[in-house]
Amino acid sequence: TRTHRLGDAKLALDDYTRALELCLPSTPGRDDKLTWELQCKVSFLHYEAGTRAFNSTDYLSAYSAFSKAIRSNYKVAAYYLARAEAAKVLGKWDLVRADAECALALNPADGQARSMLQLVVPQ
């Protein structure tokens, strides 16, 4: 956490990843709550990296970072929408649809997810 507060997300990601390695399923006395908290922090750092890459027009790196965020925490609709935006710019319409559907499954009232899905599945 210290390194993230100081603005070095890469170091923070390395720290959290090392901590997660200590929480492997085979680790005696593993704390599942702590493991989940670490995964959420890692996912957010990947999401931030994806956002920076997207804003720098590095859409392939953005897509990759958003995918890592989803692998760390598959429960956040915003991660799927961000990856769908990157996929849209890359012209990967099947991926846009899949991510929009995932975002809607997580949050059925999400207007942005509905709009994204309408891009690929017109009514």
Foldseek 3Di string as FASTA:
>chain_A
DVVVVVPDLVVVLVVLVVVLVCQPPPHPPRDVVVNLVSLQSNLVSLQVVLVVCVVVVVLVSSLVSLVSSCVSPVLALVSLCSNLVSCVVVVVLVSVLVSLVSSCVNPVVDPSSVVSNCVNVPD
